[in-house]
Amino acid sequence: MTATNRTEQLINTVLIPAICNLGGTVPPRPKVTNLEDYQFLLLQELVNHLVNTVNTVASVFGRSGNVVAQAGDYTAAQVGADPAGIAAAGDATHVAATDPHPQYATDSDLSAHTGAVAPHSGHATTTALTAHTGNTSNPHATTAAQVAALAIANNLSDLSSAATSRTNLSVPAIS
């Protein structure tokens, strides 16, 4: 399909029906072969017709023409308002409550906590952690067997492979 045929198709299947459906007037096709100019005229008519009909209703609340909303047109319920004042009553109840947020600590809770002699007595202190990590005398009482350690008294005789150990230690082989 050539560009001219596509333009003709757009004019006949979209623009002219749209203008007619909206109650507009289809301008006569000029005696020119330039379809793009005619397409432009049709688009201009369509846009002009749309601009003149936007924000206009035929009739609402007994008024016609370019009707603008005014007081009394809608009820509070129609626009999602709270006519019974339910939200205001809920707010008042919430504000008047002694403790509307029991899940949060109160000022008295915080004062009691910070005023306690040892509020975190079950937790390790920095001093205790430093002493523990600096302790080199086996604070967990771990046995040599638990860590597969070699016994000093065995003088490395408990190695599974003396040759592999010498290689790993870069010790020359004994001949």
N, C-alpha and C. Protein backbone atom coordinates (compact mmCIF):
# COMPACT_ATOMS: atom_id res chain seq x y z
N MET A 1 0.86 -1.18 0.00
CA MET A 1 0.00 0.00 0.00
C MET A 1 0.90 1.23 0.00
N THR A 2 0.66 2.15 -0.88
CA THR A 2 1.47 3.36 -0.97
C THR A 2 1.02 4.36 0.07
N ALA A 3 1.85 5.40 0.24
CA ALA A 3 1.52 6.44 1.21
C ALA A 3 0.19 7.10 0.88
N THR A 4 -0.09 7.30 -0.41
CA THR A 4 -1.35 7.94 -0.82
C THR A 4 -2.52 7.05 -0.44
N ASN A 5 -2.40 5.75 -0.67
CA ASN A 5 -3.49 4.83 -0.32
C ASN A 5 -3.68 4.79 1.19
N ARG A 6 -2.60 4.84 1.95
CA ARG A 6 -2.71 4.83 3.41
C ARG A 6 -3.39 6.11 3.89
N THR A 7 -3.06 7.23 3.28
CA THR A 7 -3.68 8.51 3.65
C THR A 7 -5.17 8.46 3.33
N GLU A 8 -5.52 7.95 2.15
CA GLU A 8 -6.92 7.82 1.73
C GLU A 8 -7.67 6.91 2.71
N GLN A 9 -7.03 5.81 3.12
CA GLN A 9 -7.64 4.89 4.07
C GLN A 9 -7.87 5.57 5.42
N LEU A 10 -6.91 6.34 5.89
CA LEU A 10 -7.05 7.06 7.16
C LEU A 10 -8.20 8.06 7.07
N ILE A 11 -8.29 8.76 5.97
CA ILE A 11 -9.35 9.75 5.79
C ILE A 11 -10.72 9.08 5.82
N ASN A 12 -10.87 7.99 5.06
CA ASN A 12 -12.18 7.34 4.90
C ASN A 12 -12.60 6.48 6.09
N THR A 13 -11.61 5.89 6.81
CA THR A 13 -11.99 4.96 7.88
C THR A 13 -11.89 5.55 9.28
N VAL A 14 -11.15 6.67 9.42
CA VAL A 14 -10.98 7.22 10.77
C VAL A 14 -11.50 8.65 10.87
N LEU A 15 -10.95 9.53 10.07
CA LEU A 15 -11.25 10.95 10.25
C LEU A 15 -12.70 11.31 9.92
N ILE A 16 -13.18 10.93 8.74
CA ILE A 16 -14.56 11.29 8.35
C ILE A 16 -15.57 10.65 9.30
N PRO A 17 -15.44 9.34 9.63
CA PRO A 17 -16.41 8.77 10.59
C PRO A 17 -16.34 9.44 11.97
N ALA A 18 -15.15 9.81 12.42
CA ALA A 18 -15.04 10.45 13.73
C ALA A 18 -15.76 11.80 13.73
N ILE A 19 -15.57 12.57 12.69
CA ILE A 19 -16.24 13.88 12.60
C ILE A 19 -17.75 13.69 12.57
N CYS A 20 -18.22 12.72 11.78
CA CYS A 20 -19.67 12.47 11.69
C CYS A 20 -20.24 11.99 13.02
N ASN A 21 -19.53 11.08 13.70
CA ASN A 21 -20.02 10.56 14.98
C ASN A 21 -20.11 11.64 16.05
N LEU A 22 -19.26 12.65 15.96
CA LEU A 22 -19.28 13.73 16.94
C LEU A 22 -20.24 14.84 16.54
N GLY A 23 -20.92 14.68 15.43
CA GLY A 23 -21.90 15.68 14.99
C GLY A 23 -21.26 16.85 14.26
N GLY A 24 -20.06 16.67 13.80
CA GLY A 24 -19.37 17.75 13.07
C GLY A 24 -19.71 17.72 11.60
N THR A 25 -19.19 18.68 10.88
CA THR A 25 -19.43 18.78 9.45
C THR A 25 -18.15 18.43 8.70
N VAL A 26 -18.28 17.49 7.76
CA VAL A 26 -17.12 17.09 6.98
C VAL A 26 -16.92 18.13 5.88
N PRO A 27 -15.76 18.77 5.87
CA PRO A 27 -15.52 19.76 4.81
C PRO A 27 -15.44 19.07 3.45
N PRO A 28 -15.90 19.78 2.39
CA PRO A 28 -15.85 19.17 1.05
C PRO A 28 -14.39 18.94 0.63
N ARG A 29 -14.20 17.89 -0.15
CA ARG A 29 -12.85 17.59 -0.61
C ARG A 29 -12.52 18.54 -1.76
N PRO A 30 -11.42 19.29 -1.57
CA PRO A 30 -11.06 20.22 -2.64
C PRO A 30 -10.63 19.48 -3.90
N LYS A 31 -10.67 20.20 -5.01
CA LYS A 31 -10.31 19.59 -6.29
C LYS A 31 -8.79 19.59 -6.47
N VAL A 32 -8.12 19.04 -5.44
CA VAL A 32 -6.66 18.92 -5.52
C VAL A 32 -6.33 17.46 -5.30
N THR A 33 -5.22 17.05 -5.78
CA THR A 33 -4.83 15.65 -5.63
C THR A 33 -3.99 15.44 -4.38
N ASN A 34 -3.72 16.49 -3.62
CA ASN A 34 -2.88 16.38 -2.46
C ASN A 34 -3.74 15.93 -1.27
N LEU A 35 -3.69 14.64 -0.98
CA LEU A 35 -4.49 14.08 0.11
C LEU A 35 -4.02 14.57 1.48
N GLU A 36 -2.73 14.87 1.59
CA GLU A 36 -2.22 15.34 2.88
C GLU A 36 -2.87 16.66 3.28
N ASP A 37 -3.12 17.55 2.29
CA ASP A 37 -3.79 18.82 2.61
C ASP A 37 -5.22 18.58 3.08
N TYR A 38 -5.92 17.64 2.40
CA TYR A 38 -7.28 17.32 2.80
C TYR A 38 -7.29 16.65 4.18
N GLN A 39 -6.33 15.78 4.41
CA GLN A 39 -6.21 15.15 5.71
C GLN A 39 -6.03 16.21 6.79
N PHE A 40 -5.22 17.23 6.50
CA PHE A 40 -5.00 18.31 7.46
C PHE A 40 -6.30 19.05 7.73
N LEU A 41 -7.10 19.34 6.69
CA LEU A 41 -8.40 20.02 6.87
C LEU A 41 -9.33 19.19 7.76
N LEU A 42 -9.34 17.87 7.52
CA LEU A 42 -10.20 17.01 8.34
C LEU A 42 -9.74 16.99 9.80
N LEU A 43 -8.44 16.87 10.01
CA LEU A 43 -7.92 16.90 11.37
C LEU A 43 -8.24 18.21 12.06
N GLN A 44 -8.13 19.31 11.30
CA GLN A 44 -8.43 20.62 11.87
C GLN A 44 -9.91 20.70 12.28
N GLU A 45 -10.80 20.18 11.44
CA GLU A 45 -12.23 20.18 11.77
C GLU A 45 -12.50 19.31 13.00
N LEU A 46 -11.84 18.16 13.07
CA LEU A 46 -12.02 17.26 14.21
C LEU A 46 -11.56 17.92 15.50
N VAL A 47 -10.38 18.52 15.48
CA VAL A 47 -9.85 19.18 16.67
C VAL A 47 -10.73 20.35 17.07
N ASN A 48 -11.16 21.17 16.14
CA ASN A 48 -12.04 22.31 16.45
C ASN A 48 -13.33 21.83 17.09
N HIS A 49 -13.90 20.76 16.55
CA HIS A 49 -15.14 20.24 17.11
C HIS A 49 -14.92 19.71 18.53
N LEU A 50 -13.80 19.02 18.75
CA LEU A 50 -13.50 18.50 20.09
C LEU A 50 -13.27 19.64 21.08
N VAL A 51 -12.56 20.66 20.68
CA VAL A 51 -12.28 21.79 21.57
C VAL A 51 -13.58 22.47 21.98
N ASN A 52 -14.51 22.58 21.06
CA ASN A 52 -15.78 23.25 21.37
C ASN A 52 -16.71 22.41 22.23
N THR A 53 -16.48 21.09 22.30
CA THR A 53 -17.37 20.23 23.08
C THR A 53 -16.76 19.79 24.40
N VAL A 54 -15.46 19.99 24.62
CA VAL A 54 -14.84 19.59 25.87
C VAL A 54 -15.41 20.44 27.01
N ASN A 55 -15.63 19.82 28.16
CA ASN A 55 -16.16 20.48 29.35
C ASN A 55 -17.59 20.97 29.16
N THR A 56 -18.29 20.45 28.19
CA THR A 56 -19.68 20.84 27.99
C THR A 56 -20.54 19.59 28.10
N VAL A 57 -21.62 19.71 28.84
CA VAL A 57 -22.57 18.60 28.94
C VAL A 57 -23.92 19.09 28.44
N ALA A 58 -24.71 18.16 27.97
CA ALA A 58 -26.02 18.56 27.44
C ALA A 58 -26.95 19.03 28.55
N SER A 59 -26.94 18.30 29.67
CA SER A 59 -27.83 18.67 30.76
C SER A 59 -27.41 17.97 32.03
N VAL A 60 -27.46 18.69 33.15
CA VAL A 60 -27.19 18.09 34.44
C VAL A 60 -27.87 18.95 35.50
N PHE A 61 -28.52 18.31 36.46
CA PHE A 61 -29.24 19.00 37.53
C PHE A 61 -30.24 20.03 36.99
N GLY A 62 -30.83 19.70 35.84
CA GLY A 62 -31.83 20.59 35.26
C GLY A 62 -31.24 21.79 34.53
N ARG A 63 -29.92 21.87 34.44
CA ARG A 63 -29.29 22.97 33.71
C ARG A 63 -28.69 22.42 32.43
N SER A 64 -28.58 23.23 31.40
CA SER A 64 -28.00 22.78 30.14
C SER A 64 -26.95 23.78 29.68
N GLY A 65 -26.21 23.38 28.63
CA GLY A 65 -25.15 24.25 28.13
C GLY A 65 -23.84 23.93 28.83
N ASN A 66 -23.01 24.94 29.00
CA ASN A 66 -21.72 24.76 29.67
C ASN A 66 -21.97 24.82 31.18
N VAL A 67 -22.35 23.67 31.75
CA VAL A 67 -22.76 23.60 33.15
C VAL A 67 -21.53 23.51 34.05
N VAL A 68 -21.52 24.34 35.08
CA VAL A 68 -20.45 24.33 36.07
C VAL A 68 -21.05 23.87 37.39
N ALA A 69 -20.32 23.01 38.11
CA ALA A 69 -20.83 22.52 39.39
C ALA A 69 -21.04 23.67 40.36
N GLN A 70 -22.06 23.56 41.18
CA GLN A 70 -22.33 24.59 42.17
C GLN A 70 -22.82 23.95 43.46
N ALA A 71 -22.89 24.71 44.50
CA ALA A 71 -23.31 24.20 45.82
C ALA A 71 -24.66 23.51 45.70
N GLY A 72 -24.77 22.34 46.33
CA GLY A 72 -26.03 21.60 46.32
C GLY A 72 -26.11 20.56 45.22
N ASP A 73 -25.16 20.54 44.29
CA ASP A 73 -25.19 19.56 43.21
C ASP A 73 -24.94 18.15 43.72
N TYR A 74 -24.06 18.00 44.68
CA TYR A 74 -23.67 16.67 45.16
C TYR A 74 -23.82 16.59 46.67
N THR A 75 -24.07 15.39 47.15
CA THR A 75 -24.10 15.18 48.61
C THR A 75 -22.69 14.85 49.06
N ALA A 76 -22.44 14.99 50.35
CA ALA A 76 -21.12 14.69 50.91
C ALA A 76 -20.76 13.22 50.65
N ALA A 77 -21.74 12.34 50.76
CA ALA A 77 -21.48 10.91 50.54
C ALA A 77 -21.09 10.63 49.10
N GLN A 78 -21.66 11.37 48.12
CA GLN A 78 -21.34 11.16 46.72
C GLN A 78 -19.88 11.48 46.39
N VAL A 79 -19.28 12.38 47.12
CA VAL A 79 -17.90 12.76 46.84
C VAL A 79 -16.93 12.14 47.86
N GLY A 80 -17.42 11.18 48.67
CA GLY A 80 -16.55 10.46 49.57
C GLY A 80 -16.26 11.14 50.89
N ALA A 81 -17.07 12.13 51.25
CA ALA A 81 -16.85 12.82 52.52
C ALA A 81 -17.35 11.98 53.68
N ASP A 82 -17.13 12.44 54.87
CA ASP A 82 -17.52 11.75 56.10
C ASP A 82 -18.64 12.54 56.76
N PRO A 83 -19.87 12.42 56.25
CA PRO A 83 -20.95 13.27 56.74
C PRO A 83 -21.32 13.03 58.20
N ALA A 84 -21.10 11.83 58.71
CA ALA A 84 -21.50 11.54 60.08
C ALA A 84 -20.43 11.95 61.09
N GLY A 85 -19.29 12.39 60.65
CA GLY A 85 -18.23 12.80 61.56
C GLY A 85 -17.54 11.63 62.25
N ILE A 86 -17.59 10.47 61.60
CA ILE A 86 -17.00 9.27 62.20
C ILE A 86 -15.49 9.45 62.38
N ALA A 87 -14.82 10.02 61.40
CA ALA A 87 -13.37 10.21 61.51
C ALA A 87 -13.03 11.17 62.65
N ALA A 88 -13.77 12.23 62.77
CA ALA A 88 -13.51 13.21 63.84
C ALA A 88 -13.71 12.56 65.21
N ALA A 89 -14.71 11.72 65.35
CA ALA A 89 -14.95 11.04 66.63
C ALA A 89 -13.80 10.09 66.94
N GLY A 90 -13.32 9.38 65.92
CA GLY A 90 -12.19 8.48 66.11
C GLY A 90 -10.93 9.23 66.51
N ASP A 91 -10.70 10.38 65.90
CA ASP A 91 -9.54 11.21 66.26
C ASP A 91 -9.64 11.66 67.71
N ALA A 92 -10.80 12.10 68.11
CA ALA A 92 -10.97 12.58 69.49
C ALA A 92 -10.73 11.45 70.49
N THR A 93 -11.22 10.27 70.19
CA THR A 93 -11.01 9.12 71.07
C THR A 93 -9.52 8.79 71.17
N HIS A 94 -8.85 8.82 70.04
CA HIS A 94 -7.42 8.51 69.99
C HIS A 94 -6.62 9.52 70.82
N VAL A 95 -6.89 10.78 70.63
CA VAL A 95 -6.15 11.84 71.33
C VAL A 95 -6.43 11.79 72.83
N ALA A 96 -7.63 11.44 73.22
CA ALA A 96 -7.99 11.41 74.63
C ALA A 96 -7.50 10.17 75.36
N ALA A 97 -7.07 9.15 74.62
CA ALA A 97 -6.62 7.90 75.25
C ALA A 97 -5.36 8.12 76.07
N THR A 98 -5.27 7.44 77.21
CA THR A 98 -4.10 7.55 78.08
C THR A 98 -2.86 7.05 77.36
N ASP A 99 -2.97 5.92 76.69
CA ASP A 99 -1.83 5.35 75.97
C ASP A 99 -2.33 4.82 74.62
N PRO A 100 -2.47 5.69 73.61
CA PRO A 100 -3.02 5.23 72.33
C PRO A 100 -2.05 4.33 71.55
N HIS A 101 -0.79 4.31 71.96
CA HIS A 101 0.21 3.49 71.26
C HIS A 101 0.94 2.59 72.26
N PRO A 102 0.31 1.55 72.77
CA PRO A 102 0.94 0.71 73.79
C PRO A 102 2.17 -0.04 73.28
N GLN A 103 2.31 -0.13 71.97
CA GLN A 103 3.46 -0.86 71.42
C GLN A 103 4.76 -0.06 71.53
N TYR A 104 4.68 1.22 71.86
CA TYR A 104 5.88 2.05 71.96
C TYR A 104 6.23 2.31 73.43
N ALA A 105 7.52 2.50 73.70
CA ALA A 105 7.96 2.82 75.06
C ALA A 105 7.49 4.21 75.43
N THR A 106 7.07 4.36 76.67
CA THR A 106 6.63 5.66 77.16
C THR A 106 7.81 6.40 77.79
N ASP A 107 7.61 7.66 78.11
CA ASP A 107 8.65 8.45 78.77
C ASP A 107 9.04 7.81 80.09
N SER A 108 8.05 7.31 80.84
CA SER A 108 8.38 6.69 82.14
C SER A 108 9.16 5.40 81.94
N ASP A 109 8.86 4.64 80.87
CA ASP A 109 9.64 3.42 80.58
C ASP A 109 11.10 3.78 80.32
N LEU A 110 11.32 4.80 79.53
CA LEU A 110 12.68 5.21 79.20
C LEU A 110 13.41 5.75 80.42
N SER A 111 12.72 6.53 81.27
CA SER A 111 13.35 7.05 82.48
C SER A 111 13.75 5.92 83.40
N ALA A 112 12.88 4.94 83.56
CA ALA A 112 13.17 3.80 84.43
C ALA A 112 14.36 3.02 83.89
N HIS A 113 14.44 2.88 82.59
CA HIS A 113 15.53 2.12 81.98
C HIS A 113 16.86 2.84 82.15
N THR A 114 16.90 4.10 81.80
CA THR A 114 18.16 4.84 81.87
C THR A 114 18.58 5.10 83.32
N GLY A 115 17.64 5.09 84.24
CA GLY A 115 17.96 5.33 85.64
C GLY A 115 18.36 4.05 86.39
N ALA A 116 18.21 2.90 85.75
CA ALA A 116 18.54 1.64 86.41
C ALA A 116 20.04 1.53 86.62
N VAL A 117 20.44 0.84 87.68
CA VAL A 117 21.86 0.68 88.01
C VAL A 117 22.56 -0.12 86.91
N ALA A 118 22.00 -1.21 86.50
CA ALA A 118 22.62 -2.04 85.45
C ALA A 118 21.52 -2.52 84.51
N PRO A 119 21.03 -1.65 83.62
CA PRO A 119 19.91 -2.03 82.76
C PRO A 119 20.26 -3.16 81.79
N HIS A 120 21.52 -3.37 81.52
CA HIS A 120 21.93 -4.42 80.58
C HIS A 120 22.85 -5.42 81.27
N SER A 121 22.54 -5.80 82.48
CA SER A 121 23.44 -6.66 83.25
C SER A 121 23.64 -8.02 82.61
N GLY A 122 22.73 -8.47 81.81
CA GLY A 122 22.87 -9.77 81.15
C GLY A 122 23.72 -9.70 79.90
N HIS A 123 24.17 -8.52 79.52
CA HIS A 123 24.93 -8.37 78.29
C HIS A 123 26.41 -8.15 78.60
N ALA A 124 27.25 -8.58 77.68
CA ALA A 124 28.70 -8.41 77.88
C ALA A 124 29.08 -6.94 77.72
N THR A 125 30.00 -6.51 78.53
CA THR A 125 30.50 -5.14 78.43
C THR A 125 31.77 -5.14 77.58
N THR A 126 32.20 -3.98 77.17
CA THR A 126 33.43 -3.87 76.39
C THR A 126 34.62 -4.40 77.18
N THR A 127 34.64 -4.11 78.46
CA THR A 127 35.74 -4.58 79.32
C THR A 127 35.76 -6.11 79.36
N ALA A 128 34.60 -6.72 79.52
CA ALA A 128 34.53 -8.18 79.58
C ALA A 128 34.94 -8.80 78.25
N LEU A 129 34.52 -8.21 77.14
CA LEU A 129 34.90 -8.75 75.84
C LEU A 129 36.40 -8.63 75.59
N THR A 130 36.99 -7.52 75.98
CA THR A 130 38.43 -7.33 75.82
C THR A 130 39.20 -8.35 76.66
N ALA A 131 38.75 -8.57 77.88
CA ALA A 131 39.41 -9.54 78.75
C ALA A 131 39.30 -10.94 78.16
N HIS A 132 38.15 -11.27 77.61
CA HIS A 132 37.92 -12.60 77.05
C HIS A 132 38.80 -12.84 75.82
N THR A 133 38.82 -11.90 74.89
CA THR A 133 39.60 -12.09 73.67
C THR A 133 41.09 -12.05 73.93
N GLY A 134 41.50 -11.43 75.00
CA GLY A 134 42.92 -11.38 75.33
C GLY A 134 43.38 -12.57 76.17
N ASN A 135 42.45 -13.42 76.57
CA ASN A 135 42.77 -14.56 77.42
C ASN A 135 43.40 -15.67 76.57
N THR A 136 44.65 -15.99 76.82
CA THR A 136 45.35 -17.03 76.05
C THR A 136 45.45 -18.34 76.81
N SER A 137 44.77 -18.46 77.91
CA SER A 137 44.86 -19.69 78.72
C SER A 137 43.67 -20.61 78.51
N ASN A 138 43.22 -20.72 77.24
CA ASN A 138 42.15 -21.65 76.88
C ASN A 138 40.86 -21.39 77.67
N PRO A 139 40.21 -20.21 77.49
CA PRO A 139 39.02 -19.87 78.28
C PRO A 139 37.83 -20.78 78.02
N HIS A 140 37.80 -21.50 76.92
CA HIS A 140 36.68 -22.38 76.61
C HIS A 140 36.98 -23.84 76.94
N ALA A 141 38.15 -24.12 77.49
CA ALA A 141 38.57 -25.47 77.89
C ALA A 141 38.50 -26.44 76.71
N THR A 142 39.01 -26.00 75.58
CA THR A 142 39.02 -26.84 74.39
C THR A 142 40.16 -27.85 74.50
N THR A 143 39.87 -29.10 74.14
CA THR A 143 40.91 -30.14 74.23
C THR A 143 41.66 -30.23 72.91
N ALA A 144 42.86 -30.81 72.96
CA ALA A 144 43.68 -31.01 71.76
C ALA A 144 42.96 -31.90 70.77
N ALA A 145 42.25 -32.91 71.26
CA ALA A 145 41.52 -33.82 70.38
C ALA A 145 40.40 -33.09 69.64
N GLN A 146 39.77 -32.10 70.31
CA GLN A 146 38.67 -31.35 69.67
C GLN A 146 39.17 -30.55 68.47
N VAL A 147 40.39 -30.11 68.52
CA VAL A 147 40.92 -29.30 67.41
C VAL A 147 41.95 -30.07 66.60
N ALA A 148 42.06 -31.39 66.84
CA ALA A 148 43.01 -32.26 66.14
C ALA A 148 44.42 -31.73 66.27
N ALA A 149 44.78 -31.32 67.45
CA ALA A 149 46.12 -30.78 67.69
C ALA A 149 47.12 -31.90 67.89
N LEU A 150 48.35 -31.60 67.59
CA LEU A 150 49.43 -32.56 67.83
C LEU A 150 49.94 -32.39 69.25
N ALA A 151 50.25 -33.49 69.87
CA ALA A 151 50.76 -33.43 71.24
C ALA A 151 52.24 -33.10 71.23
N ILE A 152 52.65 -32.14 72.04
CA ILE A 152 54.04 -31.73 72.12
C ILE A 152 54.93 -32.90 72.52
N ALA A 153 54.45 -33.72 73.44
CA ALA A 153 55.24 -34.85 73.94
C ALA A 153 55.55 -35.88 72.86
N ASN A 154 54.76 -35.92 71.79
CA ASN A 154 54.98 -36.92 70.74
C ASN A 154 56.05 -36.48 69.73
N ASN A 155 56.55 -35.26 69.85
CA ASN A 155 57.64 -34.77 69.01
C ASN A 155 57.37 -35.01 67.52
N LEU A 156 56.14 -34.70 67.08
CA LEU A 156 55.65 -34.80 65.70
C LEU A 156 55.53 -36.24 65.19
N SER A 157 55.63 -37.22 66.10
CA SER A 157 55.51 -38.61 65.64
C SER A 157 54.05 -38.96 65.33
N ASP A 158 53.13 -38.13 65.76
CA ASP A 158 51.73 -38.41 65.49
C ASP A 158 51.25 -37.83 64.16
N LEU A 159 52.18 -37.35 63.33
CA LEU A 159 51.82 -36.88 61.99
C LEU A 159 51.45 -38.07 61.11
N SER A 160 50.50 -37.90 60.25
CA SER A 160 50.12 -39.00 59.37
C SER A 160 51.16 -39.22 58.27
N SER A 161 51.88 -38.16 57.86
CA SER A 161 52.91 -38.31 56.83
C SER A 161 54.03 -37.32 57.12
N ALA A 162 55.15 -37.83 57.61
CA ALA A 162 56.29 -36.98 57.91
C ALA A 162 56.85 -36.35 56.64
N ALA A 163 56.83 -37.08 55.54
CA ALA A 163 57.36 -36.56 54.27
C ALA A 163 56.54 -35.37 53.78
N THR A 164 55.22 -35.49 53.86
CA THR A 164 54.35 -34.39 53.44
C THR A 164 54.56 -33.19 54.36
N SER A 165 54.71 -33.42 55.63
CA SER A 165 54.93 -32.33 56.58
C SER A 165 56.23 -31.60 56.28
N ARG A 166 57.30 -32.37 55.98
CA ARG A 166 58.58 -31.74 55.64
C ARG A 166 58.45 -30.89 54.37
N THR A 167 57.74 -31.41 53.38
CA THR A 167 57.53 -30.65 52.13
C THR A 167 56.78 -29.36 52.42
N ASN A 168 55.72 -29.45 53.21
CA ASN A 168 54.90 -28.28 53.56
C ASN A 168 55.72 -27.26 54.34
N LEU A 169 56.68 -27.73 55.12
CA LEU A 169 57.52 -26.84 55.91
C LEU A 169 58.79 -26.42 55.16
N SER A 170 58.93 -26.87 53.94
CA SER A 170 60.11 -26.62 53.11
C SER A 170 61.38 -27.11 53.78
N VAL A 171 61.30 -28.28 54.40
CA VAL A 171 62.46 -28.90 55.04
C VAL A 171 63.03 -29.94 54.07
N PRO A 172 64.34 -29.94 53.84
CA PRO A 172 64.88 -30.94 52.90
C PRO A 172 64.65 -32.35 53.42
N ALA A 173 64.44 -33.25 52.51
CA ALA A 173 64.22 -34.66 52.86
C ALA A 173 65.46 -35.24 53.50
N ILE A 174 65.25 -36.13 54.44
CA ILE A 174 66.37 -36.80 55.14
C ILE A 174 66.74 -38.03 54.32
N SER A 175 68.04 -38.16 54.04
CA SER A 175 68.44 -39.33 53.25
C SER A 175 69.08 -40.37 54.12
